């Protein structure tokens, strides 16, 4: 399954994290009677936490960059300097 299942797992984890925070905020509001502030703060905190976690897990975009050593030369450089 490879990349598909890995990325699907990221999405599920993202949604579940926000859902757990939302549920906790809802219950906190019921307990303290502060509707809707606990829910809003918890959803925002869940969104930030899930986003940070997702960014840390995803690879950087773009192909890997191959570094040149000092002994290698580019044929284009020789044309331009001649």
PDB file of N, CA and C in Angstrom:
ATOM      1  N   UNK A   1       0.822  -1.197   0.000  1.00  0.00           N
ATOM      2  CA  UNK A   1       0.000   0.000   0.000  1.00  0.00           C
ATOM      3  C   UNK A   1       0.865   1.261   0.000  1.00  0.00           C
ATOM      4  N   UNK A   2       1.980   1.253   0.664  1.00  0.00           N
ATOM      5  CA  UNK A   2       2.979   2.301   0.560  1.00  0.00           C
ATOM      6  C   UNK A   2       2.537   3.688   0.959  1.00  0.00           C
ATOM      7  N   UNK A   3       2.771   4.642   0.051  1.00  0.00           N
ATOM      8  CA  UNK A   3       2.525   6.058   0.347  1.00  0.00           C
ATOM      9  C   UNK A   3       1.060   6.353   0.622  1.00  0.00           C
ATOM     10  N   UNK A   4       0.170   5.665  -0.084  1.00  0.00           N
ATOM     11  CA  UNK A   4      -1.255   5.933   0.094  1.00  0.00           C
ATOM     12  C   UNK A   4      -1.674   5.709   1.539  1.00  0.00           C
ATOM     13  N   UNK A   5      -1.303   4.582   2.097  1.00  0.00           N
ATOM     14  CA  UNK A   5      -1.720   4.277   3.467  1.00  0.00           C
ATOM     15  C   UNK A   5      -1.043   5.191   4.476  1.00  0.00           C
ATOM     16  N   UNK A   6       0.219   5.560   4.216  1.00  0.00           N
ATOM     17  CA  UNK A   6       0.927   6.455   5.123  1.00  0.00           C
ATOM     18  C   UNK A   6       0.241   7.817   5.157  1.00  0.00           C
ATOM     19  N   UNK A   7      -0.103   8.347   3.986  1.00  0.00           N
ATOM     20  CA  UNK A   7      -0.736   9.662   3.928  1.00  0.00           C
ATOM     21  C   UNK A   7      -2.174   9.622   4.446  1.00  0.00           C
ATOM     22  N   UNK A   8      -2.863   8.525   4.235  1.00  0.00           N
ATOM     23  CA  UNK A   8      -4.204   8.381   4.795  1.00  0.00           C
ATOM     24  C   UNK A   8      -4.123   8.366   6.318  1.00  0.00           C
ATOM     25  N   UNK A   9      -3.108   7.715   6.841  1.00  0.00           N
ATOM     26  CA  UNK A   9      -2.911   7.698   8.288  1.00  0.00           C
ATOM     27  C   UNK A   9      -2.661   9.081   8.848  1.00  0.00           C
ATOM     28  N   UNK A  10      -1.907   9.909   8.108  1.00  0.00           N
ATOM     29  CA  UNK A  10      -1.678  11.289   8.542  1.00  0.00           C
ATOM     30  C   UNK A  10      -3.001  12.043   8.633  1.00  0.00           C
ATOM     31  N   UNK A  11      -3.847  11.879   7.641  1.00  0.00           N
ATOM     32  CA  UNK A  11      -5.136  12.572   7.633  1.00  0.00           C
ATOM     33  C   UNK A  11      -6.045  12.121   8.757  1.00  0.00           C
ATOM     34  N   UNK A  12      -6.067  10.815   8.992  1.00  0.00           N
ATOM     35  CA  UNK A  12      -6.901  10.289  10.077  1.00  0.00           C
ATOM     36  C   UNK A  12      -6.397  10.789  11.422  1.00  0.00           C
ATOM     37  N   UNK A  13      -5.083  10.764  11.619  1.00  0.00           N
ATOM     38  CA  UNK A  13      -4.511  11.254  12.867  1.00  0.00           C
ATOM     39  C   UNK A  13      -4.831  12.735  13.065  1.00  0.00           C
ATOM     40  N   UNK A  14      -4.756  13.507  12.002  1.00  0.00           N
ATOM     41  CA  UNK A  14      -5.055  14.945  12.054  1.00  0.00           C
ATOM     42  C   UNK A  14      -6.496  15.170  12.515  1.00  0.00           C
ATOM     43  N   UNK A  15      -7.423  14.464  11.890  1.00  0.00           N
ATOM     44  CA  UNK A  15      -8.840  14.623  12.219  1.00  0.00           C
ATOM     45  C   UNK A  15      -9.153  14.142  13.635  1.00  0.00           C
ATOM     46  N   UNK A  16      -8.576  13.015  14.014  1.00  0.00           N
ATOM     47  CA  UNK A  16      -8.840  12.466  15.350  1.00  0.00           C
ATOM     48  C   UNK A  16      -8.282  13.393  16.435  1.00  0.00           C
ATOM     49  N   UNK A  17      -7.106  13.956  16.204  1.00  0.00           N
ATOM     50  CA  UNK A  17      -6.524  14.872  17.185  1.00  0.00           C
ATOM     51  C   UNK A  17      -7.433  16.075  17.412  1.00  0.00           C
ATOM     52  N   UNK A  18      -7.903  16.677  16.340  1.00  0.00           N
ATOM     53  CA  UNK A  18      -8.799  17.826  16.479  1.00  0.00           C
ATOM     54  C   UNK A  18     -10.107  17.401  17.147  1.00  0.00           C
ATOM     55  N   UNK A  19     -10.610  16.230  16.794  1.00  0.00           N
ATOM     56  CA  UNK A  19     -11.838  15.725  17.401  1.00  0.00           C
ATOM     57  C   UNK A  19     -11.711  15.486  18.899  1.00  0.00           C
ATOM     58  N   UNK A  20     -10.589  14.937  19.320  1.00  0.00           N
ATOM     59  CA  UNK A  20     -10.371  14.696  20.754  1.00  0.00           C
ATOM     60  C   UNK A  20     -10.294  16.019  21.508  1.00  0.00           C
ATOM     61  N   UNK A  21      -9.570  16.975  20.946  1.00  0.00           N
ATOM     62  CA  UNK A  21      -9.494  18.291  21.588  1.00  0.00           C
ATOM     63  C   UNK A  21     -10.874  18.947  21.638  1.00  0.00           C
ATOM     64  N   UNK A  22     -11.657  18.828  20.575  1.00  0.00           N
ATOM     65  CA  UNK A  22     -13.003  19.415  20.546  1.00  0.00           C
ATOM     66  C   UNK A  22     -13.894  18.780  21.608  1.00  0.00           C
ATOM     67  N   UNK A  23     -13.816  17.469  21.730  1.00  0.00           N
ATOM     68  CA  UNK A  23     -14.618  16.773  22.748  1.00  0.00           C
ATOM     69  C   UNK A  23     -14.210  17.225  24.148  1.00  0.00           C
ATOM     70  N   UNK A  24     -12.898  17.337  24.364  1.00  0.00           N
ATOM     71  CA  UNK A  24     -12.417  17.810  25.666  1.00  0.00           C
ATOM     72  C   UNK A  24     -12.884  19.224  25.965  1.00  0.00           C
ATOM     73  N   UNK A  25     -12.862  20.089  24.962  1.00  0.00           N
ATOM     74  CA  UNK A  25     -13.332  21.459  25.144  1.00  0.00           C
ATOM     75  C   UNK A  25     -14.828  21.513  25.423  1.00  0.00           C
ATOM     76  N   UNK A  26     -15.581  20.649  24.748  1.00  0.00           N
ATOM     77  CA  UNK A  26     -17.027  20.579  24.975  1.00  0.00           C
ATOM     78  C   UNK A  26     -17.330  20.158  26.409  1.00  0.00           C
ATOM     79  N   UNK A  27     -16.617  19.131  26.880  1.00  0.00           N
ATOM     80  CA  UNK A  27     -16.823  18.649  28.247  1.00  0.00           C
ATOM     81  C   UNK A  27     -16.372  19.689  29.275  1.00  0.00           C
ATOM     82  N   UNK A  28     -15.293  20.406  28.964  1.00  0.00           N
ATOM     83  CA  UNK A  28     -14.829  21.465  29.851  1.00  0.00           C
ATOM     84  C   UNK A  28     -15.874  22.571  29.954  1.00  0.00           C
ATOM     85  N   UNK A  29     -16.493  22.909  28.830  1.00  0.00           N
ATOM     86  CA  UNK A  29     -17.562  23.912  28.839  1.00  0.00           C
ATOM     87  C   UNK A  29     -18.756  23.454  29.678  1.00  0.00           C
ATOM     88  N   UNK A  30     -19.121  22.170  29.569  1.00  0.00           N
ATOM     89  CA  UNK A  30     -20.229  21.655  30.381  1.00  0.00           C
ATOM     90  C   UNK A  30     -19.910  21.748  31.866  1.00  0.00           C
ATOM     91  N   UNK A  31     -18.669  21.430  32.200  1.00  0.00           N
ATOM     92  CA  UNK A  31     -18.261  21.412  33.594  1.00  0.00           C
ATOM     93  C   UNK A  31     -18.171  22.829  34.178  1.00  0.00           C
ATOM     94  N   UNK A  32     -17.593  23.760  33.403  1.00  0.00           N
ATOM     95  CA  UNK A  32     -17.392  25.116  33.896  1.00  0.00           C
ATOM     96  C   UNK A  32     -18.529  26.078  33.532  1.00  0.00           C
ATOM     97  N   UNK A  33     -19.354  25.702  32.564  1.00  0.00           N
ATOM     98  CA  UNK A  33     -20.442  26.563  32.116  1.00  0.00           C
ATOM     99  C   UNK A  33     -19.940  27.778  31.346  1.00  0.00           C
ATOM    100  N   UNK A  34     -18.907  27.584  30.543  1.00  0.00           N
ATOM    101  CA  UNK A  34     -18.290  28.703  29.811  1.00  0.00           C
ATOM    102  C   UNK A  34     -18.514  28.597  28.304  1.00  0.00           C
ATOM    103  N   UNK A  35     -19.638  28.022  27.900  1.00  0.00           N
ATOM    104  CA  UNK A  35     -19.883  27.808  26.466  1.00  0.00           C
ATOM    105  C   UNK A  35     -19.740  29.099  25.682  1.00  0.00           C
ATOM    106  N   UNK A  36     -19.220  29.138  24.542  1.00  0.00           N
ATOM    107  CA  UNK A  36     -18.509  28.151  23.721  1.00  0.00           C
ATOM    108  C   UNK A  36     -16.992  28.310  23.801  1.00  0.00           C
ATOM    109  N   UNK A  37     -16.500  29.058  24.799  1.00  0.00           N
ATOM    110  CA  UNK A  37     -15.094  29.432  24.814  1.00  0.00           C
ATOM    111  C   UNK A  37     -14.144  28.251  24.986  1.00  0.00           C
ATOM    112  N   UNK A  38     -14.468  27.309  25.833  1.00  0.00           N
ATOM    113  CA  UNK A  38     -13.619  26.131  26.013  1.00  0.00           C
ATOM    114  C   UNK A  38     -13.519  25.324  24.729  1.00  0.00           C
ATOM    115  N   UNK A  39     -14.639  25.164  24.047  1.00  0.00           N
ATOM    116  CA  UNK A  39     -14.648  24.431  22.783  1.00  0.00           C
ATOM    117  C   UNK A  39     -13.805  25.142  21.729  1.00  0.00           C
ATOM    118  N   UNK A  40     -13.976  26.441  21.598  1.00  0.00           N
ATOM    119  CA  UNK A  40     -13.218  27.198  20.597  1.00  0.00           C
ATOM    120  C   UNK A  40     -11.712  27.155  20.869  1.00  0.00           C
ATOM    121  N   UNK A  41     -11.334  27.328  22.120  1.00  0.00           N
ATOM    122  CA  UNK A  41      -9.911  27.290  22.469  1.00  0.00           C
ATOM    123  C   UNK A  41      -9.342  25.900  22.249  1.00  0.00           C
ATOM    124  N   UNK A  42     -10.087  24.871  22.619  1.00  0.00           N
ATOM    125  CA  UNK A  42      -9.611  23.497  22.457  1.00  0.00           C
ATOM    126  C   UNK A  42      -9.477  23.123  20.973  1.00  0.00           C
ATOM    127  N   UNK A  43     -10.433  23.521  20.142  1.00  0.00           N
ATOM    128  CA  UNK A  43     -10.346  23.225  18.707  1.00  0.00           C
ATOM    129  C   UNK A  43      -9.141  23.942  18.106  1.00  0.00           C
ATOM    130  N   UNK A  44      -8.929  25.188  18.486  1.00  0.00           N
ATOM    131  CA  UNK A  44      -7.776  25.933  17.996  1.00  0.00           C
ATOM    132  C   UNK A  44      -6.469  25.267  18.440  1.00  0.00           C
ATOM    133  N   UNK A  45      -6.384  24.860  19.701  1.00  0.00           N
ATOM    134  CA  UNK A  45      -5.186  24.184  20.204  1.00  0.00           C
ATOM    135  C   UNK A  45      -4.981  22.840  19.492  1.00  0.00           C
ATOM    136  N   UNK A  46      -6.052  22.108  19.251  1.00  0.00           N
ATOM    137  CA  UNK A  46      -5.951  20.842  18.525  1.00  0.00           C
ATOM    138  C   UNK A  46      -5.492  21.043  17.100  1.00  0.00           C
ATOM    139  N   UNK A  47      -5.987  22.075  16.448  1.00  0.00           N
ATOM    140  CA  UNK A  47      -5.585  22.395  15.080  1.00  0.00           C
ATOM    141  C   UNK A  47      -4.101  22.729  15.017  1.00  0.00           C
ATOM    142  N   UNK A  48      -3.630  23.569  15.932  1.00  0.00           N
ATOM    143  CA  UNK A  48      -2.216  23.951  15.960  1.00  0.00           C
ATOM    144  C   UNK A  48      -1.347  22.726  16.252  1.00  0.00           C
ATOM    145  N   UNK A  49      -1.723  21.950  17.246  1.00  0.00           N
ATOM    146  CA  UNK A  49      -0.942  20.767  17.603  1.00  0.00           C
ATOM    147  C   UNK A  49      -0.889  19.745  16.483  1.00  0.00           C
ATOM    148  N   UNK A  50      -2.022  19.496  15.835  1.00  0.00           N
ATOM    149  CA  UNK A  50      -2.063  18.529  14.738  1.00  0.00           C
ATOM    150  C   UNK A  50      -1.256  19.018  13.545  1.00  0.00           C
ATOM    151  N   UNK A  51      -1.306  20.313  13.275  1.00  0.00           N
ATOM    152  CA  UNK A  51      -0.556  20.878  12.149  1.00  0.00           C
ATOM    153  C   UNK A  51       0.949  20.777  12.399  1.00  0.00           C
ATOM    154  N   UNK A  52       1.391  21.109  13.595  1.00  0.00           N
ATOM    155  CA  UNK A  52       2.819  21.005  13.931  1.00  0.00           C
ATOM    156  C   UNK A  52       3.280  19.560  13.810  1.00  0.00           C
ATOM    157  N   UNK A  53       2.496  18.637  14.322  1.00  0.00           N
ATOM    158  CA  UNK A  53       2.846  17.217  14.234  1.00  0.00           C
ATOM    159  C   UNK A  53       2.923  16.753  12.780  1.00  0.00           C
ATOM    160  N   UNK A  54       1.990  17.194  11.960  1.00  0.00           N
ATOM    161  CA  UNK A  54       1.966  16.812  10.550  1.00  0.00           C
ATOM    162  C   UNK A  54       3.177  17.358   9.810  1.00  0.00           C
ATOM    163  N   UNK A  55       3.520  18.605  10.056  1.00  0.00           N
ATOM    164  CA  UNK A  55       4.667  19.217   9.380  1.00  0.00           C
ATOM    165  C   UNK A  55       5.956  18.500   9.745  1.00  0.00           C
ATOM    166  N   UNK A  56       6.086  18.071  10.996  1.00  0.00           N
ATOM    167  CA  UNK A  56       7.287  17.362  11.420  1.00  0.00           C
ATOM    168  C   UNK A  56       7.402  15.985  10.766  1.00  0.00           C
ATOM    169  N   UNK A  57       6.273  15.351  10.480  1.00  0.00           N
ATOM    170  CA  UNK A  57       6.292  13.998   9.927  1.00  0.00           C
ATOM    171  C   UNK A  57       6.442  13.952   8.414  1.00  0.00           C
ATOM    172  N   UNK A  58       5.966  14.961   7.709  1.00  0.00           N
ATOM    173  CA  UNK A  58       6.032  14.944   6.254  1.00  0.00           C
ATOM    174  C   UNK A  58       7.437  15.258   5.770  1.00  0.00           C
ATOM    175  N   UNK A  59       7.863  14.600   4.711  1.00  0.00           N
ATOM    176  CA  UNK A  59       9.192  14.903   4.169  1.00  0.00           C
ATOM    177  C   UNK A  59       9.196  16.266   3.490  1.00  0.00           C
ATOM    178  N   UNK A  60      10.377  16.826   3.308  1.00  0.00           N
ATOM    179  CA  UNK A  60      10.469  18.098   2.598  1.00  0.00           C
ATOM    180  C   UNK A  60      10.105  17.876   1.140  1.00  0.00           C
ATOM    181  N   UNK A  61       9.611  18.902   0.494  1.00  0.00           N
ATOM    182  CA  UNK A  61       9.201  18.755  -0.893  1.00  0.00           C
ATOM    183  C   UNK A  61      10.391  18.957  -1.815  1.00  0.00           C
ATOM    184  N   UNK A  62      10.280  18.408  -2.980  1.00  0.00           N
ATOM    185  CA  UNK A  62      11.325  18.577  -3.987  1.00  0.00           C
ATOM    186  C   UNK A  62      12.313  17.431  -3.984  1.00  0.00           C
ATOM    187  N   UNK A  63      13.010  17.285  -5.091  1.00  0.00           N
ATOM    188  CA  UNK A  63      13.986  16.207  -5.191  1.00  0.00           C
ATOM    189  C   UNK A  63      15.232  16.523  -4.365  1.00  0.00           C
ATOM    190  N   UNK A  64      15.953  15.505  -3.962  1.00  0.00           N
ATOM    191  CA  UNK A  64      17.186  15.767  -3.220  1.00  0.00           C
ATOM    192  C   UNK A  64      18.206  16.471  -4.103  1.00  0.00           C
ATOM    193  N   UNK A  65      18.968  17.353  -3.512  1.00  0.00           N
ATOM    194  CA  UNK A  65      19.968  18.115  -4.251  1.00  0.00           C
ATOM    195  C   UNK A  65      21.297  17.394  -4.158  1.00  0.00           C
ATOM    196  N   UNK A  66      21.919  17.157  -5.315  1.00  0.00           N
ATOM    197  CA  UNK A  66      23.211  16.497  -5.357  1.00  0.00           C
ATOM    198  C   UNK A  66      24.286  17.573  -5.314  1.00  0.00           C
ATOM    199  N   UNK A  67      25.173  17.463  -4.358  1.00  0.00           N
ATOM    200  CA  UNK A  67      26.216  18.477  -4.240  1.00  0.00           C
ATOM    201  C   UNK A  67      27.392  18.134  -5.152  1.00  0.00           C
ATOM    202  N   UNK A  68      28.030  19.157  -5.675  1.00  0.00           N
ATOM    203  CA  UNK A  68      29.198  18.974  -6.531  1.00  0.00           C
ATOM    204  C   UNK A  68      30.452  18.995  -5.664  1.00  0.00           C
ATOM    205  N   UNK A  69      31.396  18.190  -6.031  1.00  0.00           N
ATOM    206  CA  UNK A  69      32.688  18.272  -5.363  1.00  0.00           C
ATOM    207  C   UNK A  69      33.575  19.204  -6.164  1.00  0.00           C
ATOM    208  N   UNK A  70      34.657  19.622  -5.597  1.00  0.00           N
ATOM    209  CA  UNK A  70      35.523  20.585  -6.279  1.00  0.00           C
ATOM    210  C   UNK A  70      36.223  19.991  -7.494  1.00  0.00           C
ATOM    211  N   UNK A  71      36.315  18.649  -7.584  1.00  0.00           N
ATOM    212  CA  UNK A  71      36.996  18.037  -8.722  1.00  0.00           C
ATOM    213  C   UNK A  71      36.085  17.882  -9.924  1.00  0.00           C
ATOM    214  N   UNK A  72      34.763  17.928  -9.695  1.00  0.00           N
ATOM    215  CA  UNK A  72      33.828  17.796 -10.807  1.00  0.00           C
ATOM    216  C   UNK A  72      33.664  19.153 -11.486  1.00  0.00           C
ATOM    217  N   UNK A  73      33.496  19.123 -12.791  1.00  0.00           N
ATOM    218  CA  UNK A  73      33.244  20.374 -13.499  1.00  0.00           C
ATOM    219  C   UNK A  73      32.024  20.221 -14.373  1.00  0.00           C
ATOM    220  N   UNK A  74      31.372  21.303 -14.614  1.00  0.00           N
ATOM    221  CA  UNK A  74      30.188  21.334 -15.440  1.00  0.00           C
ATOM    222  C   UNK A  74      30.601  21.686 -16.873  1.00  0.00           C
ATOM    223  N   UNK A  75      30.206  20.876 -17.877  1.00  0.00           N
ATOM    224  CA  UNK A  75      30.562  21.184 -19.256  1.00  0.00           C
ATOM    225  C   UNK A  75      30.068  22.555 -19.707  1.00  0.00           C
ATOM    226  N   UNK A  76      28.969  23.022 -19.164  1.00  0.00           N
ATOM    227  CA  UNK A  76      28.436  24.339 -19.510  1.00  0.00           C
ATOM    228  C   UNK A  76      29.397  25.454 -19.061  1.00  0.00           C
ATOM    229  N   UNK A  77      30.062  25.242 -17.913  1.00  0.00           N
ATOM    230  CA  UNK A  77      31.017  26.230 -17.420  1.00  0.00           C
ATOM    231  C   UNK A  77      32.192  26.402 -18.384  1.00  0.00           C
ATOM    232  N   UNK A  78      32.654  25.312 -18.997  1.00  0.00           N
ATOM    233  CA  UNK A  78      33.777  25.382 -19.926  1.00  0.00           C
ATOM    234  C   UNK A  78      33.399  26.159 -21.180  1.00  0.00           C
ATOM    235  N   UNK A  79      32.164  26.004 -21.638  1.00  0.00           N
ATOM    236  CA  UNK A  79      31.706  26.709 -22.830  1.00  0.00           C
ATOM    237  C   UNK A  79      31.656  28.216 -22.578  1.00  0.00           C
ATOM    238  N   UNK A  80      31.184  28.590 -21.400  1.00  0.00           N
ATOM    239  CA  UNK A  80      31.003  30.002 -21.087  1.00  0.00           C
ATOM    240  C   UNK A  80      32.333  30.723 -20.836  1.00  0.00           C
ATOM    241  N   UNK A  81      33.346  30.008 -20.380  1.00  0.00           N
ATOM    242  CA  UNK A  81      34.624  30.626 -20.045  1.00  0.00           C
ATOM    243  C   UNK A  81      35.612  30.595 -21.207  1.00  0.00           C
ATOM    244  N   UNK A  82      35.313  29.955 -22.297  1.00  0.00           N
ATOM    245  CA  UNK A  82      36.245  29.845 -23.425  1.00  0.00           C
ATOM    246  C   UNK A  82      36.133  31.025 -24.362  1.00  0.00           C
TER     247      UNK A  82
END
